[in-house]
C-alpha cells in the first residue's frame, strides 16, 4: 500500500526522528499531506504513523528507515559562536 522509497526520501529530507514525527499530530498531518501530494495516495495519519514505526523497527539494512545523521560539532567541544559560546576576557573560545 505505501511506497516505502518515497517515505524514506521524505523522512531523510525532513530530518525529524520517527518518534518525534509520530508523536506530534501537526507534523504527522503535514507529512501525510506531503505524501499524498507526491504519490496521489490518500493516507490516514494514524496508519502512516503505524507504518513509519514499523519501518523504523525494520532498520535500513532490511529496507526500513535509515539513522539520521546528527548535526553537531562533536562531543565535548565548545560552540564557536552563539549565546552558549564561552567568553573569557573579551575573547570567544
PDB file of N, CA and C in Angstrom:
ATOM      1  N   UNK A   1       0.813  -1.190   0.000  1.00  0.00           N
ATOM      2  CA  UNK A   1       0.000   0.000   0.000  1.00  0.00           C
ATOM      3  C   UNK A   1       0.859   1.258   0.000  1.00  0.00           C
ATOM      4  N   UNK A   2       1.841   1.328   0.897  1.00  0.00           N
ATOM      5  CA  UNK A   2       2.710   2.503   0.970  1.00  0.00           C
ATOM      6  C   UNK A   2       3.892   2.356   0.018  1.00  0.00           C
ATOM      7  N   UNK A   3       4.376   3.475  -0.466  1.00  0.00           N
ATOM      8  CA  UNK A   3       5.587   3.491  -1.283  1.00  0.00           C
ATOM      9  C   UNK A   3       6.754   3.830  -0.357  1.00  0.00           C
ATOM     10  N   UNK A   4       7.454   2.799   0.081  1.00  0.00           N
ATOM     11  CA  UNK A   4       8.496   2.963   1.087  1.00  0.00           C
ATOM     12  C   UNK A   4       9.632   3.864   0.620  1.00  0.00           C
ATOM     13  N   UNK A   5       9.969   3.815  -0.673  1.00  0.00           N
ATOM     14  CA  UNK A   5      11.058   4.641  -1.180  1.00  0.00           C
ATOM     15  C   UNK A   5      10.730   6.126  -0.992  1.00  0.00           C
ATOM     16  N   UNK A   6       9.479   6.479  -1.247  1.00  0.00           N
ATOM     17  CA  UNK A   6       9.047   7.869  -1.085  1.00  0.00           C
ATOM     18  C   UNK A   6       9.077   8.247   0.395  1.00  0.00           C
ATOM     19  N   UNK A   7       8.616   7.365   1.258  1.00  0.00           N
ATOM     20  CA  UNK A   7       8.617   7.647   2.702  1.00  0.00           C
ATOM     21  C   UNK A   7      10.039   7.837   3.228  1.00  0.00           C
ATOM     22  N   UNK A   8      10.955   6.993   2.791  1.00  0.00           N
ATOM     23  CA  UNK A   8      12.343   7.108   3.248  1.00  0.00           C
ATOM     24  C   UNK A   8      12.938   8.430   2.754  1.00  0.00           C
ATOM     25  N   UNK A   9      12.687   8.776   1.509  1.00  0.00           N
ATOM     26  CA  UNK A   9      13.196  10.034   0.958  1.00  0.00           C
ATOM     27  C   UNK A   9      12.650  11.235   1.731  1.00  0.00           C
ATOM     28  N   UNK A  10      11.359  11.219   2.020  1.00  0.00           N
ATOM     29  CA  UNK A  10      10.745  12.309   2.781  1.00  0.00           C
ATOM     30  C   UNK A  10      11.299  12.370   4.196  1.00  0.00           C
ATOM     31  N   UNK A  11      11.459  11.212   4.817  1.00  0.00           N
ATOM     32  CA  UNK A  11      11.970  11.130   6.184  1.00  0.00           C
ATOM     33  C   UNK A  11      13.359  11.750   6.283  1.00  0.00           C
ATOM     34  N   UNK A  12      14.228  11.410   5.348  1.00  0.00           N
ATOM     35  CA  UNK A  12      15.591  11.930   5.368  1.00  0.00           C
ATOM     36  C   UNK A  12      15.590  13.430   5.081  1.00  0.00           C
ATOM     37  N   UNK A  13      14.758  13.872   4.135  1.00  0.00           N
ATOM     38  CA  UNK A  13      14.744  15.294   3.793  1.00  0.00           C
ATOM     39  C   UNK A  13      14.183  16.149   4.923  1.00  0.00           C
ATOM     40  N   UNK A  14      13.241  15.630   5.693  1.00  0.00           N
ATOM     41  CA  UNK A  14      12.692  16.380   6.827  1.00  0.00           C
ATOM     42  C   UNK A  14      13.663  16.414   7.996  1.00  0.00           C
ATOM     43  N   UNK A  15      14.424  15.338   8.172  1.00  0.00           N
ATOM     44  CA  UNK A  15      15.421  15.301   9.237  1.00  0.00           C
ATOM     45  C   UNK A  15      14.846  15.238  10.636  1.00  0.00           C
ATOM     46  N   UNK A  16      13.618  14.750  10.767  1.00  0.00           N
ATOM     47  CA  UNK A  16      12.967  14.624  12.069  1.00  0.00           C
ATOM     48  C   UNK A  16      12.938  13.143  12.436  1.00  0.00           C
ATOM     49  N   UNK A  17      13.302  12.811  13.662  1.00  0.00           N
ATOM     50  CA  UNK A  17      13.287  11.406  14.053  1.00  0.00           C
ATOM     51  C   UNK A  17      11.870  10.853  13.976  1.00  0.00           C
ATOM     52  N   UNK A  18      11.780   9.571  13.790  1.00  0.00           N
ATOM     53  CA  UNK A  18      10.490   8.915  13.646  1.00  0.00           C
ATOM     54  C   UNK A  18       9.623   9.115  14.890  1.00  0.00           C
ATOM     55  N   UNK A  19      10.218   9.004  16.059  1.00  0.00           N
ATOM     56  CA  UNK A  19       9.459   9.172  17.304  1.00  0.00           C
ATOM     57  C   UNK A  19       8.868  10.574  17.407  1.00  0.00           C
ATOM     58  N   UNK A  20       9.648  11.585  17.049  1.00  0.00           N
ATOM     59  CA  UNK A  20       9.137  12.964  17.081  1.00  0.00           C
ATOM     60  C   UNK A  20       8.063  13.170  16.028  1.00  0.00           C
ATOM     61  N   UNK A  21       8.246  12.559  14.889  1.00  0.00           N
ATOM     62  CA  UNK A  21       7.279  12.697  13.807  1.00  0.00           C
ATOM     63  C   UNK A  21       5.918  12.132  14.193  1.00  0.00           C
ATOM     64  N   UNK A  22       5.891  10.934  14.730  1.00  0.00           N
ATOM     65  CA  UNK A  22       4.614  10.292  15.041  1.00  0.00           C
ATOM     66  C   UNK A  22       3.980  10.818  16.333  1.00  0.00           C
ATOM     67  N   UNK A  23       4.761  11.456  17.192  1.00  0.00           N
ATOM     68  CA  UNK A  23       4.198  11.964  18.444  1.00  0.00           C
ATOM     69  C   UNK A  23       3.636  13.380  18.320  1.00  0.00           C
ATOM     70  N   UNK A  24       3.929  14.060  17.222  1.00  0.00           N
ATOM     71  CA  UNK A  24       3.424  15.412  17.010  1.00  0.00           C
ATOM     72  C   UNK A  24       2.328  15.377  15.943  1.00  0.00           C
ATOM     73  N   UNK A  25       1.062  15.561  16.324  1.00  0.00           N
ATOM     74  CA  UNK A  25      -0.039  15.441  15.362  1.00  0.00           C
ATOM     75  C   UNK A  25       0.047  16.415  14.192  1.00  0.00           C
ATOM     76  N   UNK A  26       0.491  17.639  14.440  1.00  0.00           N
ATOM     77  CA  UNK A  26       0.589  18.620  13.358  1.00  0.00           C
ATOM     78  C   UNK A  26       1.651  18.216  12.337  1.00  0.00           C
ATOM     79  N   UNK A  27       2.799  17.797  12.824  1.00  0.00           N
ATOM     80  CA  UNK A  27       3.875  17.365  11.935  1.00  0.00           C
ATOM     81  C   UNK A  27       3.466  16.123  11.164  1.00  0.00           C
ATOM     82  N   UNK A  28       2.820  15.198  11.830  1.00  0.00           N
ATOM     83  CA  UNK A  28       2.378  13.970  11.175  1.00  0.00           C
ATOM     84  C   UNK A  28       1.338  14.260  10.094  1.00  0.00           C
ATOM     85  N   UNK A  29       0.409  15.161  10.368  1.00  0.00           N
ATOM     86  CA  UNK A  29      -0.601  15.530   9.379  1.00  0.00           C
ATOM     87  C   UNK A  29       0.038  16.190   8.168  1.00  0.00           C
ATOM     88  N   UNK A  30       0.996  17.078   8.411  1.00  0.00           N
ATOM     89  CA  UNK A  30       1.712  17.723   7.310  1.00  0.00           C
ATOM     90  C   UNK A  30       2.475  16.682   6.484  1.00  0.00           C
ATOM     91  N   UNK A  31       3.120  15.737   7.163  1.00  0.00           N
ATOM     92  CA  UNK A  31       3.865  14.674   6.494  1.00  0.00           C
ATOM     93  C   UNK A  31       2.922  13.828   5.636  1.00  0.00           C
ATOM     94  N   UNK A  32       1.752  13.504   6.169  1.00  0.00           N
ATOM     95  CA  UNK A  32       0.765  12.711   5.431  1.00  0.00           C
ATOM     96  C   UNK A  32       0.264  13.467   4.201  1.00  0.00           C
ATOM     97  N   UNK A  33       0.041  14.775   4.334  1.00  0.00           N
ATOM     98  CA  UNK A  33      -0.405  15.576   3.189  1.00  0.00           C
ATOM     99  C   UNK A  33       0.674  15.653   2.120  1.00  0.00           C
ATOM    100  N   UNK A  34       1.911  15.777   2.534  1.00  0.00           N
ATOM    101  CA  UNK A  34       3.011  15.804   1.564  1.00  0.00           C
ATOM    102  C   UNK A  34       3.135  14.458   0.847  1.00  0.00           C
ATOM    103  N   UNK A  35       2.962  13.376   1.590  1.00  0.00           N
ATOM    104  CA  UNK A  35       2.997  12.044   0.978  1.00  0.00           C
ATOM    105  C   UNK A  35       1.882  11.909  -0.060  1.00  0.00           C
ATOM    106  N   UNK A  36       0.697  12.387   0.265  1.00  0.00           N
ATOM    107  CA  UNK A  36      -0.428  12.343  -0.667  1.00  0.00           C
ATOM    108  C   UNK A  36      -0.130  13.177  -1.908  1.00  0.00           C
ATOM    109  N   UNK A  37       0.478  14.341  -1.726  1.00  0.00           N
ATOM    110  CA  UNK A  37       0.815  15.196  -2.861  1.00  0.00           C
ATOM    111  C   UNK A  37       1.845  14.532  -3.777  1.00  0.00           C
ATOM    112  N   UNK A  38       2.799  13.815  -3.200  1.00  0.00           N
ATOM    113  CA  UNK A  38       3.844  13.165  -4.003  1.00  0.00           C
ATOM    114  C   UNK A  38       3.355  11.906  -4.715  1.00  0.00           C
ATOM    115  N   UNK A  39       2.489  11.150  -4.041  1.00  0.00           N
ATOM    116  CA  UNK A  39       2.120   9.840  -4.586  1.00  0.00           C
ATOM    117  C   UNK A  39       0.704   9.777  -5.125  1.00  0.00           C
ATOM    118  N   UNK A  40      -0.157  10.664  -4.678  1.00  0.00           N
ATOM    119  CA  UNK A  40      -1.561  10.603  -5.076  1.00  0.00           C
ATOM    120  C   UNK A  40      -2.374   9.636  -4.236  1.00  0.00           C
ATOM    121  N   UNK A  41      -1.760   9.000  -3.255  1.00  0.00           N
ATOM    122  CA  UNK A  41      -2.445   8.066  -2.363  1.00  0.00           C
ATOM    123  C   UNK A  41      -2.962   8.808  -1.135  1.00  0.00           C
ATOM    124  N   UNK A  42      -4.253   8.709  -0.884  1.00  0.00           N
ATOM    125  CA  UNK A  42      -4.802   9.257   0.360  1.00  0.00           C
ATOM    126  C   UNK A  42      -4.393   8.327   1.498  1.00  0.00           C
ATOM    127  N   UNK A  43      -3.899   8.904   2.581  1.00  0.00           N
ATOM    128  CA  UNK A  43      -3.439   8.096   3.696  1.00  0.00           C
ATOM    129  C   UNK A  43      -3.864   8.765   5.007  1.00  0.00           C
ATOM    130  N   UNK A  44      -4.318   7.957   5.945  1.00  0.00           N
ATOM    131  CA  UNK A  44      -4.675   8.457   7.270  1.00  0.00           C
ATOM    132  C   UNK A  44      -3.405   8.606   8.101  1.00  0.00           C
ATOM    133  N   UNK A  45      -3.285   9.703   8.839  1.00  0.00           N
ATOM    134  CA  UNK A  45      -2.089   9.892   9.664  1.00  0.00           C
ATOM    135  C   UNK A  45      -1.838   8.735  10.644  1.00  0.00           C
ATOM    136  N   UNK A  46      -2.895   8.135  11.189  1.00  0.00           N
ATOM    137  CA  UNK A  46      -2.704   7.030  12.145  1.00  0.00           C
ATOM    138  C   UNK A  46      -2.066   5.819  11.459  1.00  0.00           C
ATOM    139  N   UNK A  47      -2.501   5.514  10.254  1.00  0.00           N
ATOM    140  CA  UNK A  47      -1.917   4.383   9.527  1.00  0.00           C
ATOM    141  C   UNK A  47      -0.481   4.688   9.107  1.00  0.00           C
ATOM    142  N   UNK A  48      -0.247   5.937   8.707  1.00  0.00           N
ATOM    143  CA  UNK A  48       1.106   6.342   8.341  1.00  0.00           C
ATOM    144  C   UNK A  48       2.032   6.237   9.552  1.00  0.00           C
ATOM    145  N   UNK A  49       1.545   6.665  10.706  1.00  0.00           N
ATOM    146  CA  UNK A  49       2.317   6.580  11.940  1.00  0.00           C
ATOM    147  C   UNK A  49       2.701   5.131  12.242  1.00  0.00           C
ATOM    148  N   UNK A  50       1.748   4.237  12.152  1.00  0.00           N
ATOM    149  CA  UNK A  50       1.994   2.819  12.408  1.00  0.00           C
ATOM    150  C   UNK A  50       3.027   2.260  11.429  1.00  0.00           C
ATOM    151  N   UNK A  51       2.881   2.620  10.160  1.00  0.00           N
ATOM    152  CA  UNK A  51       3.805   2.116   9.139  1.00  0.00           C
ATOM    153  C   UNK A  51       5.216   2.685   9.338  1.00  0.00           C
ATOM    154  N   UNK A  52       5.310   3.964   9.698  1.00  0.00           N
ATOM    155  CA  UNK A  52       6.622   4.574   9.931  1.00  0.00           C
ATOM    156  C   UNK A  52       7.343   3.908  11.102  1.00  0.00           C
ATOM    157  N   UNK A  53       6.608   3.591  12.168  1.00  0.00           N
ATOM    158  CA  UNK A  53       7.232   2.904  13.301  1.00  0.00           C
ATOM    159  C   UNK A  53       7.704   1.509  12.905  1.00  0.00           C
ATOM    160  N   UNK A  54       6.937   0.820  12.070  1.00  0.00           N
ATOM    161  CA  UNK A  54       7.375  -0.491  11.582  1.00  0.00           C
ATOM    162  C   UNK A  54       8.630  -0.377  10.725  1.00  0.00           C
ATOM    163  N   UNK A  55       8.701   0.659   9.895  1.00  0.00           N
ATOM    164  CA  UNK A  55       9.897   0.871   9.080  1.00  0.00           C
ATOM    165  C   UNK A  55      11.105   1.187   9.951  1.00  0.00           C
ATOM    166  N   UNK A  56      10.887   1.935  11.017  1.00  0.00           N
ATOM    167  CA  UNK A  56      11.986   2.243  11.936  1.00  0.00           C
ATOM    168  C   UNK A  56      12.511   0.972  12.585  1.00  0.00           C
ATOM    169  N   UNK A  57      11.587   0.124  13.035  1.00  0.00           N
ATOM    170  CA  UNK A  57      11.992  -1.126  13.688  1.00  0.00           C
ATOM    171  C   UNK A  57      12.698  -2.059  12.716  1.00  0.00           C
ATOM    172  N   UNK A  58      12.303  -2.001  11.447  1.00  0.00           N
ATOM    173  CA  UNK A  58      12.894  -2.864  10.425  1.00  0.00           C
ATOM    174  C   UNK A  58      14.364  -2.529  10.205  1.00  0.00           C
ATOM    175  N   UNK A  59      14.697  -1.261  10.192  1.00  0.00           N
ATOM    176  CA  UNK A  59      16.084  -0.831  10.008  1.00  0.00           C
ATOM    177  C   UNK A  59      16.455  -0.689   8.546  1.00  0.00           C
ATOM    178  N   UNK A  60      17.481   0.088   8.292  1.00  0.00           N
ATOM    179  CA  UNK A  60      17.907   0.420   6.937  1.00  0.00           C
ATOM    180  C   UNK A  60      18.355  -0.808   6.145  1.00  0.00           C
ATOM    181  N   UNK A  61      19.028  -1.729   6.787  1.00  0.00           N
ATOM    182  CA  UNK A  61      19.546  -2.903   6.085  1.00  0.00           C
ATOM    183  C   UNK A  61      18.444  -3.778   5.494  1.00  0.00           C
ATOM    184  N   UNK A  62      17.265  -3.707   6.082  1.00  0.00           N
ATOM    185  CA  UNK A  62      16.152  -4.527   5.595  1.00  0.00           C
ATOM    186  C   UNK A  62      15.099  -3.694   4.871  1.00  0.00           C
ATOM    187  N   UNK A  63      15.474  -2.509   4.412  1.00  0.00           N
ATOM    188  CA  UNK A  63      14.559  -1.681   3.642  1.00  0.00           C
ATOM    189  C   UNK A  63      13.769  -0.684   4.448  1.00  0.00           C
ATOM    190  N   UNK A  64      14.125  -0.509   5.711  1.00  0.00           N
ATOM    191  CA  UNK A  64      13.407   0.422   6.577  1.00  0.00           C
ATOM    192  C   UNK A  64      14.061   1.788   6.610  1.00  0.00           C
ATOM    193  N   UNK A  65      13.778   2.526   7.668  1.00  0.00           N
ATOM    194  CA  UNK A  65      14.295   3.884   7.797  1.00  0.00           C
ATOM    195  C   UNK A  65      15.766   3.883   8.203  1.00  0.00           C
ATOM    196  N   UNK A  66      16.535   4.781   7.602  1.00  0.00           N
ATOM    197  CA  UNK A  66      17.947   4.894   7.995  1.00  0.00           C
ATOM    198  C   UNK A  66      18.078   5.721   9.271  1.00  0.00           C
ATOM    199  N   UNK A  67      19.233   5.635   9.898  1.00  0.00           N
ATOM    200  CA  UNK A  67      19.511   6.504  11.034  1.00  0.00           C
ATOM    201  C   UNK A  67      19.797   7.897  10.493  1.00  0.00           C
ATOM    202  N   UNK A  68      19.278   8.894  11.159  1.00  0.00           N
ATOM    203  CA  UNK A  68      19.553  10.266  10.758  1.00  0.00           C
ATOM    204  C   UNK A  68      20.902  10.684  11.309  1.00  0.00           C
ATOM    205  N   UNK A  69      21.626  11.442  10.524  1.00  0.00           N
ATOM    206  CA  UNK A  69      22.914  11.959  10.995  1.00  0.00           C
ATOM    207  C   UNK A  69      22.658  13.171  11.865  1.00  0.00           C
ATOM    208  N   UNK A  70      23.357  13.220  12.975  1.00  0.00           N
ATOM    209  CA  UNK A  70      23.203  14.342  13.889  1.00  0.00           C
ATOM    210  C   UNK A  70      24.038  15.523  13.405  1.00  0.00           C
ATOM    211  N   UNK A  71      23.505  16.692  13.575  1.00  0.00           N
ATOM    212  CA  UNK A  71      24.223  17.906  13.210  1.00  0.00           C
ATOM    213  C   UNK A  71      24.807  18.529  14.476  1.00  0.00           C
ATOM    214  N   UNK A  72      26.011  18.102  14.820  1.00  0.00           N
ATOM    215  CA  UNK A  72      26.694  18.689  15.960  1.00  0.00           C
ATOM    216  C   UNK A  72      28.180  18.674  15.685  1.00  0.00           C
ATOM    217  N   UNK A  73      28.913  19.426  16.461  1.00  0.00           N
ATOM    218  CA  UNK A  73      30.342  19.608  16.229  1.00  0.00           C
ATOM    219  C   UNK A  73      31.193  18.558  16.915  1.00  0.00           C
ATOM    220  N   UNK A  74      30.603  17.535  17.429  1.00  0.00           N
ATOM    221  CA  UNK A  74      31.350  16.518  18.150  1.00  0.00           C
ATOM    222  C   UNK A  74      31.111  16.649  19.639  1.00  0.00           C
ATOM    223  N   UNK A  75      31.523  15.668  20.361  1.00  0.00           N
ATOM    224  CA  UNK A  75      31.308  15.690  21.806  1.00  0.00           C
ATOM    225  C   UNK A  75      32.383  16.503  22.498  1.00  0.00           C
ATOM    226  N   UNK A  76      31.974  17.093  23.589  1.00  0.00           N
ATOM    227  CA  UNK A  76      32.881  17.836  24.460  1.00  0.00           C
ATOM    228  C   UNK A  76      33.586  18.988  23.766  1.00  0.00           C
ATOM    229  N   UNK A  77      32.983  19.569  22.759  1.00  0.00           N
ATOM    230  CA  UNK A  77      33.558  20.746  22.111  1.00  0.00           C
ATOM    231  C   UNK A  77      32.673  21.935  22.407  1.00  0.00           C
ATOM    232  N   UNK A  78      33.292  23.040  22.686  1.00  0.00           N
ATOM    233  CA  UNK A  78      32.546  24.262  22.940  1.00  0.00           C
ATOM    234  C   UNK A  78      32.090  24.839  21.612  1.00  0.00           C
ATOM    235  N   UNK A  79      30.886  25.408  21.578  1.00  0.00           N
ATOM    236  CA  UNK A  79      30.456  26.089  20.359  1.00  0.00           C
ATOM    237  C   UNK A  79      31.337  27.297  20.096  1.00  0.00           C
ATOM    238  N   UNK A  80      31.596  27.570  18.837  1.00  0.00           N
ATOM    239  CA  UNK A  80      32.479  28.668  18.483  1.00  0.00           C
ATOM    240  C   UNK A  80      31.764  30.010  18.458  1.00  0.00           C
ATOM    241  N   UNK A  81      30.462  30.002  18.260  1.00  0.00           N
ATOM    242  CA  UNK A  81      29.702  31.243  18.194  1.00  0.00           C
ATOM    243  C   UNK A  81      28.357  31.030  18.869  1.00  0.00           C
ATOM    244  N   UNK A  82      27.653  32.108  19.085  1.00  0.00           N
ATOM    245  CA  UNK A  82      26.302  31.990  19.602  1.00  0.00           C
ATOM    246  C   UNK A  82      26.220  32.281  21.083  1.00  0.00           C
ATOM    247  N   UNK A  83      25.018  32.185  21.624  1.00  0.00           N
ATOM    248  CA  UNK A  83      24.794  32.571  23.020  1.00  0.00           C
ATOM    249  C   UNK A  83      25.448  31.641  24.029  1.00  0.00           C
ATOM    250  N   UNK A  84      25.802  30.414  23.622  1.00  0.00           N
ATOM    251  CA  UNK A  84      26.417  29.494  24.578  1.00  0.00           C
ATOM    252  C   UNK A  84      27.929  29.444  24.434  1.00  0.00           C
ATOM    253  N   UNK A  85      28.504  30.305  23.599  1.00  0.00           N
ATOM    254  CA  UNK A  85      29.962  30.330  23.443  1.00  0.00           C
ATOM    255  C   UNK A  85      30.609  30.838  24.737  1.00  0.00           C
ATOM    256  N   UNK A  86      31.734  30.289  25.063  1.00  0.00           N
ATOM    257  CA  UNK A  86      32.436  30.664  26.266  1.00  0.00           C
ATOM    258  C   UNK A  86      33.262  31.916  25.976  1.00  0.00           C
ATOM    259  N   UNK A  87      33.042  32.957  26.772  1.00  0.00           N
ATOM    260  CA  UNK A  87      33.762  34.216  26.584  1.00  0.00           C
ATOM    261  C   UNK A  87      34.650  34.441  27.803  1.00  0.00           C
ATOM    262  N   UNK A  88      35.951  34.581  27.567  1.00  0.00           N
ATOM    263  CA  UNK A  88      36.905  34.826  28.633  1.00  0.00           C
ATOM    264  C   UNK A  88      37.720  36.051  28.244  1.00  0.00           C
ATOM    265  N   UNK A  89      37.686  37.066  29.095  1.00  0.00           N
ATOM    266  CA  UNK A  89      38.430  38.301  28.852  1.00  0.00           C
ATOM    267  C   UNK A  89      38.197  38.855  27.446  1.00  0.00           C
ATOM    268  N   UNK A  90      36.940  38.991  27.109  1.00  0.00           N
ATOM    269  CA  UNK A  90      36.523  39.566  25.834  1.00  0.00           C
ATOM    270  C   UNK A  90      36.974  38.762  24.621  1.00  0.00           C
ATOM    271  N   UNK A  91      37.279  37.501  24.800  1.00  0.00           N
ATOM    272  CA  UNK A  91      37.626  36.635  23.671  1.00  0.00           C
ATOM    273  C   UNK A  91      36.659  35.464  23.662  1.00  0.00           C
ATOM    274  N   UNK A  92      36.274  35.007  22.482  1.00  0.00           N
ATOM    275  CA  UNK A  92      35.434  33.818  22.355  1.00  0.00           C
ATOM    276  C   UNK A  92      36.342  32.615  22.206  1.00  0.00           C
ATOM    277  N   UNK A  93      36.125  31.646  23.041  1.00  0.00           N
ATOM    278  CA  UNK A  93      36.943  30.419  22.969  1.00  0.00           C
ATOM    279  C   UNK A  93      36.181  29.389  22.168  1.00  0.00           C
TER     280      UNK A  93
END
